[in-house]
Amino acid sequence: MNRDIPFDFILDYLLPIEMEIRPFFGMFSIYSGQKLLLMLRDRSNEPEMNGIWIAMNKGHEELKRELPGLCEYPGARPCKKDDGWLHIPPEADNFEQLAIRICEMIVHRDPRIGKIKPPWKSKVAPASPARKKKQSHYPRT
């Protein structure tokens, strides 16, 4: 099914950078190279999750102070101080202004915004010496 990209007005503000838009579990992610910048979501299920998600590298609290109206990501774990995401809910009074400001910050390469996923690590543990095949003490003939 071909879905429209929600909040696509922001794409005009991101034109100065190379970007790639990828579908992602009913949402759309915006990358610049290997760096994940934003996620865009507008779905009927779990409407509290809708909006623009901002991938944060660092400076979570600082950016919230700088741009009142940014919220913690609704799926953030309460015990984790910096979950790596901020959120602009679509019902925010200053939704478009916040979205445009975040795009300007991205274009100016604000180091707080965007994250690069670490390479996948295998979940299979290497064989320990105790697991190796036991050697026979009998001579081969």
N, C-alpha and C. Protein backbone atom coordinates (compact mmCIF):
# COMPACT_ATOMS: atom_id res chain seq x y z
N MET A 1 0.84 -1.17 0.00
CA MET A 1 0.00 0.00 0.00
C MET A 1 0.89 1.24 0.00
N ASN A 2 0.60 2.18 -0.87
CA ASN A 2 1.39 3.39 -0.98
C ASN A 2 0.79 4.46 -0.08
N ARG A 3 1.52 4.90 0.91
CA ARG A 3 1.03 5.89 1.87
C ARG A 3 1.72 7.22 1.63
N ASP A 4 0.99 8.28 1.95
CA ASP A 4 1.57 9.61 1.85
C ASP A 4 2.48 9.85 3.05
N ILE A 5 3.50 10.64 2.82
CA ILE A 5 4.42 11.00 3.90
C ILE A 5 3.76 12.08 4.74
N PRO A 6 3.58 11.85 6.04
CA PRO A 6 2.95 12.88 6.87
C PRO A 6 3.90 14.06 7.10
N PHE A 7 3.31 15.20 7.32
CA PHE A 7 4.07 16.43 7.65
C PHE A 7 5.13 16.72 6.60
N ASP A 8 4.77 16.47 5.33
CA ASP A 8 5.75 16.59 4.25
C ASP A 8 6.19 18.03 3.98
N PHE A 9 5.57 19.01 4.62
CA PHE A 9 6.02 20.40 4.45
C PHE A 9 7.47 20.55 4.91
N ILE A 10 7.91 19.70 5.84
CA ILE A 10 9.29 19.84 6.35
C ILE A 10 10.33 19.49 5.29
N LEU A 11 9.93 18.71 4.29
CA LEU A 11 10.90 18.28 3.27
C LEU A 11 11.46 19.48 2.52
N ASP A 12 10.64 20.50 2.32
CA ASP A 12 11.13 21.72 1.65
C ASP A 12 12.25 22.37 2.45
N TYR A 13 12.17 22.29 3.76
CA TYR A 13 13.18 22.93 4.62
C TYR A 13 14.46 22.08 4.71
N LEU A 14 14.37 20.83 4.30
CA LEU A 14 15.54 19.95 4.34
C LEU A 14 16.21 19.81 2.98
N LEU A 15 15.71 20.51 1.97
CA LEU A 15 16.28 20.41 0.63
C LEU A 15 17.78 20.70 0.54
N PRO A 16 18.32 21.61 1.36
CA PRO A 16 19.76 21.88 1.25
C PRO A 16 20.66 20.69 1.61
N ILE A 17 20.12 19.66 2.25
CA ILE A 17 20.96 18.51 2.59
C ILE A 17 20.56 17.31 1.74
N GLU A 18 21.49 16.39 1.59
CA GLU A 18 21.15 15.12 0.95
C GLU A 18 20.37 14.31 1.96
N MET A 19 19.21 13.81 1.55
CA MET A 19 18.40 13.04 2.48
C MET A 19 17.76 11.87 1.75
N GLU A 20 17.42 10.90 2.53
CA GLU A 20 16.73 9.72 2.03
C GLU A 20 15.55 9.45 2.95
N ILE A 21 14.40 9.19 2.36
CA ILE A 21 13.20 8.89 3.13
C ILE A 21 12.94 7.40 2.98
N ARG A 22 12.82 6.71 4.11
CA ARG A 22 12.61 5.27 4.10
C ARG A 22 11.35 4.92 4.89
N PRO A 23 10.49 4.07 4.32
CA PRO A 23 9.34 3.60 5.11
C PRO A 23 9.85 2.73 6.25
N PHE A 24 9.18 2.83 7.39
CA PHE A 24 9.63 2.11 8.58
C PHE A 24 8.44 1.79 9.46
N PHE A 25 7.94 0.57 9.39
CA PHE A 25 6.83 0.10 10.23
C PHE A 25 5.67 1.09 10.29
N GLY A 26 5.18 1.52 9.14
CA GLY A 26 4.04 2.42 9.10
C GLY A 26 4.40 3.87 9.34
N MET A 27 5.67 4.16 9.43
CA MET A 27 6.14 5.54 9.60
C MET A 27 7.14 5.79 8.48
N PHE A 28 7.76 6.96 8.52
CA PHE A 28 8.81 7.27 7.57
C PHE A 28 10.00 7.84 8.32
N SER A 29 11.17 7.34 7.99
CA SER A 29 12.40 7.84 8.61
C SER A 29 13.14 8.70 7.60
N ILE A 30 13.80 9.72 8.10
CA ILE A 30 14.59 10.60 7.25
C ILE A 30 16.05 10.47 7.67
N TYR A 31 16.87 10.09 6.70
CA TYR A 31 18.30 9.91 6.92
C TYR A 31 19.07 10.91 6.07
N SER A 32 20.24 11.27 6.56
CA SER A 32 21.24 11.96 5.76
C SER A 32 22.49 11.10 5.87
N GLY A 33 22.81 10.43 4.80
CA GLY A 33 23.88 9.42 4.85
C GLY A 33 23.46 8.31 5.78
N GLN A 34 24.30 7.96 6.73
CA GLN A 34 23.98 6.91 7.70
C GLN A 34 23.30 7.45 8.95
N LYS A 35 23.11 8.76 9.01
CA LYS A 35 22.58 9.39 10.22
C LYS A 35 21.05 9.48 10.15
N LEU A 36 20.40 8.86 11.13
CA LEU A 36 18.96 8.97 11.29
C LEU A 36 18.66 10.32 11.93
N LEU A 37 17.79 11.11 11.28
CA LEU A 37 17.48 12.46 11.77
C LEU A 37 16.10 12.54 12.39
N LEU A 38 15.09 12.11 11.63
CA LEU A 38 13.70 12.28 12.04
C LEU A 38 12.89 11.04 11.69
N MET A 39 11.80 10.87 12.43
CA MET A 39 10.78 9.88 12.10
C MET A 39 9.46 10.65 12.02
N LEU A 40 8.65 10.33 11.02
CA LEU A 40 7.37 10.99 10.82
C LEU A 40 6.27 9.95 10.97
N ARG A 41 5.30 10.24 11.84
CA ARG A 41 4.23 9.26 12.09
C ARG A 41 2.89 9.96 12.19
N ASP A 42 1.91 9.41 11.46
CA ASP A 42 0.53 9.88 11.54
C ASP A 42 -0.37 8.68 11.25
N ARG A 43 -0.74 7.97 12.30
CA ARG A 43 -1.55 6.76 12.16
C ARG A 43 -2.71 6.82 13.13
N SER A 44 -3.72 6.00 12.86
CA SER A 44 -4.91 6.01 13.72
C SER A 44 -4.68 5.22 15.02
N ASN A 45 -3.84 4.20 14.98
CA ASN A 45 -3.57 3.47 16.22
C ASN A 45 -2.51 4.23 17.03
N GLU A 46 -2.65 4.24 18.31
CA GLU A 46 -1.74 4.94 19.23
C GLU A 46 -1.48 6.39 18.79
N PRO A 47 -2.53 7.21 18.73
CA PRO A 47 -2.35 8.58 18.24
C PRO A 47 -1.38 9.41 19.08
N GLU A 48 -1.16 9.04 20.33
CA GLU A 48 -0.19 9.79 21.15
C GLU A 48 1.23 9.65 20.62
N MET A 49 1.46 8.67 19.76
CA MET A 49 2.78 8.47 19.17
C MET A 49 2.97 9.27 17.88
N ASN A 50 1.91 9.89 17.38
CA ASN A 50 1.98 10.65 16.13
C ASN A 50 2.80 11.91 16.31
N GLY A 51 3.36 12.36 15.21
CA GLY A 51 4.11 13.60 15.20
C GLY A 51 5.47 13.41 14.56
N ILE A 52 6.36 14.30 14.90
CA ILE A 52 7.73 14.25 14.39
C ILE A 52 8.63 13.84 15.54
N TRP A 53 9.33 12.76 15.35
CA TRP A 53 10.29 12.28 16.34
C TRP A 53 11.66 12.77 15.93
N ILE A 54 12.40 13.30 16.85
CA ILE A 54 13.73 13.85 16.59
C ILE A 54 14.77 12.93 17.22
N ALA A 55 15.63 12.36 16.39
CA ALA A 55 16.70 11.49 16.88
C ALA A 55 17.77 12.37 17.50
N MET A 56 18.04 12.13 18.77
CA MET A 56 18.99 12.95 19.50
C MET A 56 20.30 12.21 19.72
N ASN A 57 21.38 12.93 19.51
CA ASN A 57 22.70 12.41 19.79
C ASN A 57 23.10 12.77 21.22
N LYS A 58 22.80 13.99 21.60
CA LYS A 58 23.11 14.50 22.93
C LYS A 58 22.36 15.81 23.10
N GLY A 59 22.39 16.39 24.28
CA GLY A 59 21.80 17.70 24.50
C GLY A 59 20.29 17.71 24.61
N HIS A 60 19.75 16.60 25.04
CA HIS A 60 18.31 16.42 25.19
C HIS A 60 17.65 17.57 25.96
N GLU A 61 18.08 17.74 27.19
CA GLU A 61 17.48 18.75 28.07
C GLU A 61 17.77 20.17 27.57
N GLU A 62 18.95 20.38 27.07
CA GLU A 62 19.33 21.70 26.55
C GLU A 62 18.41 22.11 25.40
N LEU A 63 18.14 21.19 24.49
CA LEU A 63 17.28 21.49 23.35
C LEU A 63 15.83 21.72 23.79
N LYS A 64 15.38 21.00 24.81
CA LYS A 64 14.03 21.22 25.34
C LYS A 64 13.91 22.62 25.95
N ARG A 65 14.96 23.08 26.60
CA ARG A 65 14.94 24.45 27.15
C ARG A 65 14.96 25.49 26.03
N GLU A 66 15.75 25.20 25.00
CA GLU A 66 15.89 26.13 23.88
C GLU A 66 14.61 26.24 23.05
N LEU A 67 13.88 25.13 22.92
CA LEU A 67 12.67 25.10 22.11
C LEU A 67 11.49 24.58 22.94
N PRO A 68 10.89 25.45 23.74
CA PRO A 68 9.75 25.00 24.53
C PRO A 68 8.66 24.45 23.60
N GLY A 69 8.10 23.36 24.00
CA GLY A 69 7.10 22.69 23.17
C GLY A 69 7.58 21.32 22.74
N LEU A 70 8.91 21.11 22.74
CA LEU A 70 9.42 19.77 22.48
C LEU A 70 9.09 18.90 23.68
N CYS A 71 8.71 17.68 23.42
CA CYS A 71 8.32 16.75 24.49
C CYS A 71 9.24 15.55 24.49
N GLU A 72 9.23 14.86 25.61
CA GLU A 72 9.89 13.57 25.64
C GLU A 72 9.14 12.64 24.69
N TYR A 73 9.84 11.75 24.09
CA TYR A 73 9.24 10.74 23.23
C TYR A 73 8.24 9.96 24.07
N PRO A 74 6.99 9.77 23.59
CA PRO A 74 5.95 9.13 24.41
C PRO A 74 6.28 7.70 24.83
N GLY A 75 7.18 7.05 24.12
CA GLY A 75 7.55 5.68 24.48
C GLY A 75 8.79 5.61 25.36
N ALA A 76 9.24 6.76 25.86
CA ALA A 76 10.45 6.79 26.68
C ALA A 76 10.26 6.00 27.96
N ARG A 77 11.30 5.33 28.36
CA ARG A 77 11.27 4.57 29.62
C ARG A 77 11.50 5.54 30.77
N PRO A 78 10.65 5.49 31.78
CA PRO A 78 10.74 6.48 32.86
C PRO A 78 12.06 6.45 33.62
N CYS A 79 12.72 5.31 33.71
CA CYS A 79 13.94 5.23 34.50
C CYS A 79 15.17 5.68 33.71
N LYS A 80 15.02 5.86 32.40
CA LYS A 80 16.16 6.24 31.58
C LYS A 80 16.13 7.74 31.32
N LYS A 81 17.18 8.43 31.74
CA LYS A 81 17.20 9.89 31.68
C LYS A 81 17.14 10.42 30.25
N ASP A 82 17.93 9.90 29.36
CA ASP A 82 17.98 10.40 27.99
C ASP A 82 17.74 9.23 27.04
N ASP A 83 16.51 9.12 26.55
CA ASP A 83 16.14 7.99 25.72
C ASP A 83 16.57 8.16 24.27
N GLY A 84 17.11 9.31 23.91
CA GLY A 84 17.61 9.49 22.56
C GLY A 84 16.60 10.07 21.58
N TRP A 85 15.40 10.40 22.05
CA TRP A 85 14.37 10.95 21.16
C TRP A 85 13.64 12.10 21.82
N LEU A 86 13.31 13.10 21.02
CA LEU A 86 12.36 14.13 21.42
C LEU A 86 11.21 14.07 20.43
N HIS A 87 10.11 14.72 20.77
CA HIS A 87 8.88 14.54 20.02
C HIS A 87 8.17 15.88 19.87
N ILE A 88 7.64 16.12 18.67
CA ILE A 88 6.78 17.27 18.45
C ILE A 88 5.39 16.71 18.15
N PRO A 89 4.47 16.79 19.09
CA PRO A 89 3.13 16.27 18.84
C PRO A 89 2.38 17.18 17.86
N PRO A 90 1.59 16.61 16.96
CA PRO A 90 0.92 17.44 15.95
C PRO A 90 -0.09 18.43 16.53
N GLU A 91 -0.56 18.17 17.74
CA GLU A 91 -1.53 19.09 18.35
C GLU A 91 -0.86 20.26 19.08
N ALA A 92 0.46 20.30 19.08
CA ALA A 92 1.18 21.40 19.73
C ALA A 92 0.83 22.73 19.04
N ASP A 93 0.63 23.76 19.84
CA ASP A 93 0.28 25.08 19.30
C ASP A 93 1.31 25.59 18.30
N ASN A 94 2.57 25.29 18.54
CA ASN A 94 3.66 25.78 17.69
C ASN A 94 4.29 24.65 16.87
N PHE A 95 3.48 23.67 16.48
CA PHE A 95 3.98 22.48 15.76
C PHE A 95 4.82 22.86 14.54
N GLU A 96 4.25 23.66 13.64
CA GLU A 96 4.97 23.98 12.41
C GLU A 96 6.24 24.79 12.69
N GLN A 97 6.18 25.73 13.62
CA GLN A 97 7.36 26.54 13.94
C GLN A 97 8.47 25.67 14.52
N LEU A 98 8.09 24.74 15.41
CA LEU A 98 9.11 23.83 15.98
C LEU A 98 9.71 22.95 14.89
N ALA A 99 8.87 22.41 14.03
CA ALA A 99 9.35 21.53 12.96
C ALA A 99 10.31 22.27 12.04
N ILE A 100 9.95 23.48 11.68
CA ILE A 100 10.81 24.28 10.79
C ILE A 100 12.13 24.60 11.49
N ARG A 101 12.08 24.95 12.76
CA ARG A 101 13.32 25.27 13.50
C ARG A 101 14.23 24.05 13.59
N ILE A 102 13.65 22.88 13.84
CA ILE A 102 14.46 21.65 13.89
C ILE A 102 15.11 21.40 12.53
N CYS A 103 14.36 21.62 11.46
CA CYS A 103 14.93 21.44 10.11
C CYS A 103 16.08 22.41 9.87
N GLU A 104 15.93 23.66 10.31
CA GLU A 104 17.02 24.63 10.16
C GLU A 104 18.25 24.17 10.93
N MET A 105 18.03 23.62 12.10
CA MET A 105 19.15 23.14 12.91
C MET A 105 19.83 21.95 12.22
N ILE A 106 19.05 21.09 11.60
CA ILE A 106 19.60 19.95 10.87
C ILE A 106 20.45 20.44 9.69
N VAL A 107 19.92 21.40 8.93
CA VAL A 107 20.64 21.94 7.77
C VAL A 107 21.96 22.58 8.21
N HIS A 108 21.96 23.18 9.40
CA HIS A 108 23.19 23.80 9.92
C HIS A 108 24.05 22.82 10.71
N ARG A 109 23.72 21.54 10.59
CA ARG A 109 24.51 20.44 11.19
C ARG A 109 24.65 20.54 12.70
N ASP A 110 23.55 20.85 13.39
CA ASP A 110 23.58 20.86 14.86
C ASP A 110 23.97 19.47 15.34
N PRO A 111 25.06 19.36 16.11
CA PRO A 111 25.56 18.03 16.50
C PRO A 111 24.64 17.28 17.47
N ARG A 112 23.67 17.95 18.04
CA ARG A 112 22.77 17.29 18.97
C ARG A 112 21.73 16.43 18.26
N ILE A 113 21.49 16.73 16.99
CA ILE A 113 20.42 16.06 16.26
C ILE A 113 21.00 15.01 15.33
N GLY A 114 20.42 13.82 15.41
CA GLY A 114 20.81 12.72 14.53
C GLY A 114 21.65 11.70 15.25
N LYS A 115 21.47 10.47 14.85
CA LYS A 115 22.29 9.42 15.43
C LYS A 115 22.60 8.37 14.38
N ILE A 116 23.76 7.79 14.52
CA ILE A 116 24.20 6.73 13.64
C ILE A 116 24.11 5.44 14.43
N LYS A 117 23.40 4.48 13.85
CA LYS A 117 23.27 3.19 14.54
C LYS A 117 24.63 2.50 14.56
N PRO A 118 24.95 1.91 15.71
CA PRO A 118 26.19 1.13 15.73
C PRO A 118 26.01 -0.10 14.85
N PRO A 119 27.11 -0.64 14.34
CA PRO A 119 26.99 -1.83 13.50
C PRO A 119 26.36 -2.98 14.28
N TRP A 120 25.64 -3.81 13.56
CA TRP A 120 25.00 -4.96 14.20
C TRP A 120 26.06 -5.87 14.81
N LYS A 121 25.77 -6.32 16.02
CA LYS A 121 26.67 -7.26 16.68
C LYS A 121 25.97 -8.61 16.71
N SER A 122 26.73 -9.62 16.45
CA SER A 122 26.16 -10.96 16.48
C SER A 122 25.77 -11.31 17.90
N LYS A 123 24.61 -11.92 18.04
CA LYS A 123 24.16 -12.34 19.37
C LYS A 123 24.68 -13.74 19.70
N VAL A 124 25.35 -14.37 18.75
CA VAL A 124 25.90 -15.69 18.99
C VAL A 124 27.27 -15.52 19.62
N ALA A 125 27.43 -16.09 20.78
CA ALA A 125 28.71 -16.00 21.49
C ALA A 125 29.71 -16.94 20.84
N PRO A 126 30.96 -16.51 20.75
CA PRO A 126 31.98 -17.41 20.20
C PRO A 126 32.14 -18.63 21.11
N ALA A 127 32.52 -19.72 20.52
CA ALA A 127 32.69 -20.95 21.29
C ALA A 127 33.81 -20.78 22.30
N SER A 128 33.53 -21.16 23.52
CA SER A 128 34.55 -21.09 24.56
C SER A 128 35.42 -22.34 24.48
N PRO A 129 36.61 -22.31 25.07
CA PRO A 129 37.49 -23.49 25.01
C PRO A 129 36.81 -24.72 25.61
N ALA A 130 35.96 -24.55 26.60
CA ALA A 130 35.29 -25.69 27.22
C ALA A 130 34.29 -26.33 26.28
N ARG A 131 33.79 -25.57 25.31
CA ARG A 131 32.80 -26.08 24.38
C ARG A 131 33.42 -26.82 23.20
N LYS A 132 34.70 -26.59 22.97
CA LYS A 132 35.33 -27.22 21.82
C LYS A 132 35.29 -28.73 21.96
N LYS A 133 35.32 -29.36 20.81
CA LYS A 133 35.26 -30.82 20.79
C LYS A 133 36.42 -31.40 21.58
N LYS A 134 36.07 -32.34 22.44
CA LYS A 134 37.11 -32.95 23.27
C LYS A 134 38.03 -33.82 22.40
N GLN A 135 39.30 -33.72 22.68
CA GLN A 135 40.28 -34.50 21.95
C GLN A 135 40.33 -35.91 22.55
N SER A 136 40.44 -36.87 21.67
CA SER A 136 40.56 -38.25 22.14
C SER A 136 42.01 -38.48 22.57
N HIS A 137 42.14 -39.26 23.61
CA HIS A 137 43.49 -39.59 24.11
C HIS A 137 44.03 -40.83 23.45
N TYR A 138 43.24 -41.46 22.59
CA TYR A 138 43.68 -42.66 21.91
C TYR A 138 44.37 -42.31 20.62
N PRO A 139 45.48 -42.93 20.33
CA PRO A 139 46.19 -42.63 19.08
C PRO A 139 45.38 -43.14 17.87
N ARG A 140 45.49 -42.44 16.78
CA ARG A 140 44.81 -42.86 15.54
C ARG A 140 45.63 -43.94 14.88
N THR A 141 44.95 -44.80 14.27
CA THR A 141 45.67 -45.86 13.56
C THR A 141 45.39 -45.83 12.10
